[in-house]
């Protein structure tokens, strides 16, 4: 069992970019061999393959994949912020850092480990690894020190993207009052509390 799990982890580490938007499946061949894939078992192995859905190892792999995707998304948003030179609402940035710092740091650490592991491979293995893990966007991690245009970084919508991501992934960790203040700021509406206090002063 331990060897199987370690093999699965190796699969996840080296194939995670291609699986970041796909569901991982556990398939068992008629001979009893276990294969993890992002494709339907019948398409990958054949009609005799059996898909195992309720499996502890698969749940661990899926959870690790989700954590890594979260770290990558946090890194991409922070990378855009570091190069955009735009102001972001303080409350939004505080909540973003509180929720994204740990997964982002883990993503950076994992990528560093990936680079170390590939350095010991043959030229062909390194080339195949680079091809299989090529990023689909222009914010590729390995090019993080290259300046990008505001159009590529989409600086104008950065605040909205950060807030949308927080709501989708950390809604239970953002204080309701903070969420309200951020929504008011992003929608360009006057703060009802400030408007009320200024009205009372005028009276």
Protein backbone atom coordinates (compact mmCIF):
# COMPACT_ATOMS: atom_id res chain seq x y z
CA UNK A 1 0.00 0.00 0.00
CA UNK A 2 2.79 2.39 0.87
CA UNK A 3 4.59 1.72 -2.42
CA UNK A 4 1.35 2.30 -4.32
CA UNK A 5 0.79 5.63 -2.60
CA UNK A 6 4.37 6.75 -3.26
CA UNK A 7 3.99 5.83 -6.91
CA UNK A 8 0.81 7.86 -7.04
CA UNK A 9 2.55 10.83 -5.49
CA UNK A 10 5.29 10.61 -8.10
CA UNK A 11 2.64 10.59 -10.78
CA UNK A 12 1.00 13.64 -9.28
CA UNK A 13 4.24 15.61 -8.92
CA UNK A 14 5.33 15.10 -12.51
CA UNK A 15 1.93 15.25 -14.21
CA UNK A 16 0.14 17.90 -12.14
CA UNK A 17 0.12 20.71 -14.75
CA UNK A 18 -1.80 18.58 -17.24
CA UNK A 19 -4.21 17.44 -14.53
CA UNK A 20 -4.82 20.80 -12.88
CA UNK A 21 -8.25 21.16 -14.50
CA UNK A 22 -9.08 17.45 -14.74
CA UNK A 23 -10.41 14.80 -12.40
CA UNK A 24 -7.97 12.07 -11.39
CA UNK A 25 -9.31 8.56 -11.85
CA UNK A 26 -8.12 5.26 -10.44
CA UNK A 27 -8.40 2.40 -12.92
CA UNK A 28 -7.78 -1.29 -12.33
CA UNK A 29 -6.93 -3.59 -15.25
CA UNK A 30 -8.19 -7.19 -15.48
CA UNK A 31 -4.72 -8.32 -14.37
CA UNK A 32 -4.98 -6.22 -11.20
CA UNK A 33 -2.64 -3.38 -12.21
CA UNK A 34 -3.58 0.05 -10.84
CA UNK A 35 -3.33 3.09 -13.11
CA UNK A 36 -4.08 6.72 -12.23
CA UNK A 37 -5.16 8.90 -15.13
CA UNK A 38 -7.07 12.07 -16.02
CA UNK A 39 -8.99 10.20 -18.75
CA UNK A 40 -11.95 7.82 -18.46
CA UNK A 41 -10.71 4.32 -17.68
CA UNK A 42 -12.31 2.80 -20.79
CA UNK A 43 -10.61 5.35 -23.05
CA UNK A 44 -7.22 4.99 -21.36
CA UNK A 45 -7.04 1.23 -20.81
CA UNK A 46 -9.97 -0.47 -22.51
CA UNK A 47 -13.50 -1.66 -21.93
CA UNK A 48 -12.37 -4.25 -19.37
CA UNK A 49 -10.94 -1.65 -17.00
CA UNK A 50 -12.71 -0.95 -13.73
CA UNK A 51 -12.88 2.54 -12.24
CA UNK A 52 -12.51 2.72 -8.46
CA UNK A 53 -14.22 5.81 -7.04
CA UNK A 54 -14.32 5.36 -3.27
CA UNK A 55 -10.63 4.89 -2.51
CA UNK A 56 -8.45 6.40 0.25
CA UNK A 57 -5.39 6.82 -2.00
CA UNK A 58 -7.46 8.54 -4.68
CA UNK A 59 -8.94 10.91 -2.10
CA UNK A 60 -5.44 11.81 -0.88
CA UNK A 61 -4.22 12.45 -4.42
CA UNK A 62 -7.28 14.55 -5.23
CA UNK A 63 -6.82 16.60 -2.05
CA UNK A 64 -3.13 17.16 -2.81
CA UNK A 65 -3.95 18.18 -6.37
CA UNK A 66 -6.52 20.68 -5.09
CA UNK A 67 -3.99 22.12 -2.64
CA UNK A 68 -1.43 22.51 -5.39
CA UNK A 69 -3.92 24.16 -7.72
CA UNK A 70 -4.80 26.57 -4.92
CA UNK A 71 -1.15 27.42 -4.38
CA UNK A 72 -0.60 28.01 -8.07
CA UNK A 73 -3.65 30.29 -8.35
CA UNK A 74 -2.53 32.28 -5.32
CA UNK A 75 0.96 32.60 -6.80
CA UNK A 76 -0.40 33.78 -10.17
CA UNK A 77 -2.56 36.47 -8.55
CA UNK A 78 0.28 37.71 -6.36
CA UNK A 79 2.66 37.61 -9.33
CA UNK A 80 0.25 39.80 -11.30
CA UNK A 81 0.02 42.20 -8.37
CA UNK A 82 3.82 42.44 -8.07
CA UNK A 83 4.15 43.47 -11.72
CA UNK A 84 0.96 45.46 -12.21
CA UNK A 85 1.80 48.45 -9.99
CA UNK A 86 -1.86 49.04 -9.10
CA UNK A 87 -3.46 49.81 -5.78
CA UNK A 88 -5.54 47.06 -4.22
CA UNK A 89 -8.08 47.65 -1.47
CA UNK A 90 -6.39 47.16 1.90
CA UNK A 91 -9.12 44.89 3.30
CA UNK A 92 -9.03 42.74 0.17
CA UNK A 93 -5.23 42.45 0.26
CA UNK A 94 -5.25 41.57 3.97
CA UNK A 95 -7.70 38.71 3.41
CA UNK A 96 -5.83 37.59 0.32
CA UNK A 97 -2.53 37.34 2.20
CA UNK A 98 -4.10 35.61 5.20
CA UNK A 99 -5.55 32.86 3.00
CA UNK A 100 -3.03 32.62 0.18
CA UNK A 101 0.40 32.97 1.80
CA UNK A 102 0.71 29.36 3.00
CA UNK A 103 -0.52 27.62 -0.19
CA UNK A 104 1.55 30.02 -2.33
CA UNK A 105 4.71 29.26 -0.35
CA UNK A 106 4.04 25.53 -0.64
CA UNK A 107 3.59 25.89 -4.40
CA UNK A 108 6.96 27.68 -4.67
CA UNK A 109 8.61 24.97 -2.57
CA UNK A 110 7.09 22.19 -4.67
CA UNK A 111 8.21 23.83 -7.90
CA UNK A 112 11.75 24.11 -6.54
CA UNK A 113 11.67 20.40 -5.68
CA UNK A 114 10.38 19.61 -9.18
CA UNK A 115 13.31 21.47 -10.73
CA UNK A 116 15.79 19.59 -8.54
CA UNK A 117 14.27 16.23 -9.41
CA UNK A 118 14.44 16.91 -13.16
CA UNK A 119 18.10 17.96 -13.01
CA UNK A 120 19.14 14.34 -12.41
CA UNK A 121 17.38 13.00 -15.48
CA UNK A 122 18.69 12.29 -18.94
CA UNK A 123 18.37 14.94 -21.64
CA UNK A 124 15.42 13.13 -23.21
CA UNK A 125 13.62 12.77 -19.89
CA UNK A 126 14.11 16.47 -19.11
CA UNK A 127 12.80 17.45 -22.54
CA UNK A 128 9.74 15.21 -22.18
CA UNK A 129 9.10 16.60 -18.71
CA UNK A 130 9.30 20.20 -19.95
CA UNK A 131 6.91 19.43 -22.78
CA UNK A 132 4.42 17.69 -20.50
CA UNK A 133 4.50 20.46 -17.89
CA UNK A 134 4.34 23.46 -20.24
CA UNK A 135 2.08 26.18 -18.87
CA UNK A 136 -0.79 27.29 -21.11
CA UNK A 137 -0.66 30.97 -20.12
CA UNK A 138 1.99 33.67 -20.35
CA UNK A 139 2.47 33.71 -16.58
CA UNK A 140 4.60 30.59 -16.67
CA UNK A 141 6.36 30.09 -13.36
CA UNK A 142 9.80 29.61 -14.90
CA UNK A 143 9.48 33.04 -16.55
CA UNK A 144 8.40 34.82 -13.38
CA UNK A 145 11.24 37.34 -13.53
CA UNK A 146 10.34 38.50 -17.03
CA UNK A 147 8.33 41.72 -17.13
CA UNK A 148 4.98 41.38 -18.85
CA UNK A 149 2.63 43.90 -20.39
CA UNK A 150 -0.40 45.20 -18.52
CA UNK A 151 -2.58 43.59 -21.18
CA UNK A 152 -1.12 40.16 -20.42
CA UNK A 153 -1.32 40.77 -16.68
CA UNK A 154 -4.87 42.12 -16.99
CA UNK A 155 -4.13 44.72 -14.34
CA UNK A 156 -7.46 46.49 -14.73
CA UNK A 157 -9.39 43.50 -13.41
CA UNK A 158 -6.84 42.29 -10.86
CA UNK A 159 -8.86 43.42 -7.82
CA UNK A 160 -12.01 41.74 -9.12
CA UNK A 161 -10.10 38.56 -9.94
CA UNK A 162 -8.59 38.45 -6.45
CA UNK A 163 -11.97 38.94 -4.82
CA UNK A 164 -13.67 36.43 -7.09
CA UNK A 165 -11.02 33.85 -6.20
CA UNK A 166 -11.36 34.51 -2.47
CA UNK A 167 -15.14 34.18 -2.62
CA UNK A 168 -14.92 30.96 -4.57
CA UNK A 169 -12.28 29.26 -2.43
CA UNK A 170 -12.19 30.97 0.99
CA UNK A 171 -15.67 32.41 1.47
CA UNK A 172 -15.97 30.80 4.91
CA UNK A 173 -12.73 32.46 6.06
CA UNK A 174 -13.50 36.04 5.02
CA UNK A 175 -15.28 37.99 7.81
CA UNK A 176 -18.78 39.12 6.69
CA UNK A 177 -18.01 42.78 7.40
CA UNK A 178 -14.84 42.58 5.31
CA UNK A 179 -16.79 40.95 2.48
CA UNK A 180 -19.37 43.74 2.63
CA UNK A 181 -16.71 46.46 2.57
CA UNK A 182 -14.90 44.84 -0.35
CA UNK A 183 -18.12 44.49 -2.35
CA UNK A 184 -18.96 48.17 -1.76
CA UNK A 185 -15.46 49.22 -2.85
CA UNK A 186 -15.37 47.08 -6.00
CA UNK A 187 -18.86 48.10 -7.09
CA UNK A 188 -17.95 51.79 -6.69
CA UNK A 189 -20.83 52.39 -4.29
CA UNK A 190 -20.68 54.89 -1.43
CA UNK A 191 -20.13 53.29 1.96
CA UNK A 192 -23.59 53.35 3.63
CA UNK A 193 -22.06 53.79 7.09
CA UNK A 194 -19.98 56.80 6.03
CA UNK A 195 -22.93 58.31 4.17
CA UNK A 196 -25.11 57.92 7.24
CA UNK A 197 -22.55 59.53 9.55
CA UNK A 198 -22.00 62.49 7.21
CA UNK A 199 -25.77 62.99 6.97
CA UNK A 200 -26.06 63.04 10.75
CA UNK A 201 -23.26 65.61 10.99
CA UNK A 202 -25.01 67.88 8.51
CA UNK A 203 -28.18 67.72 10.62
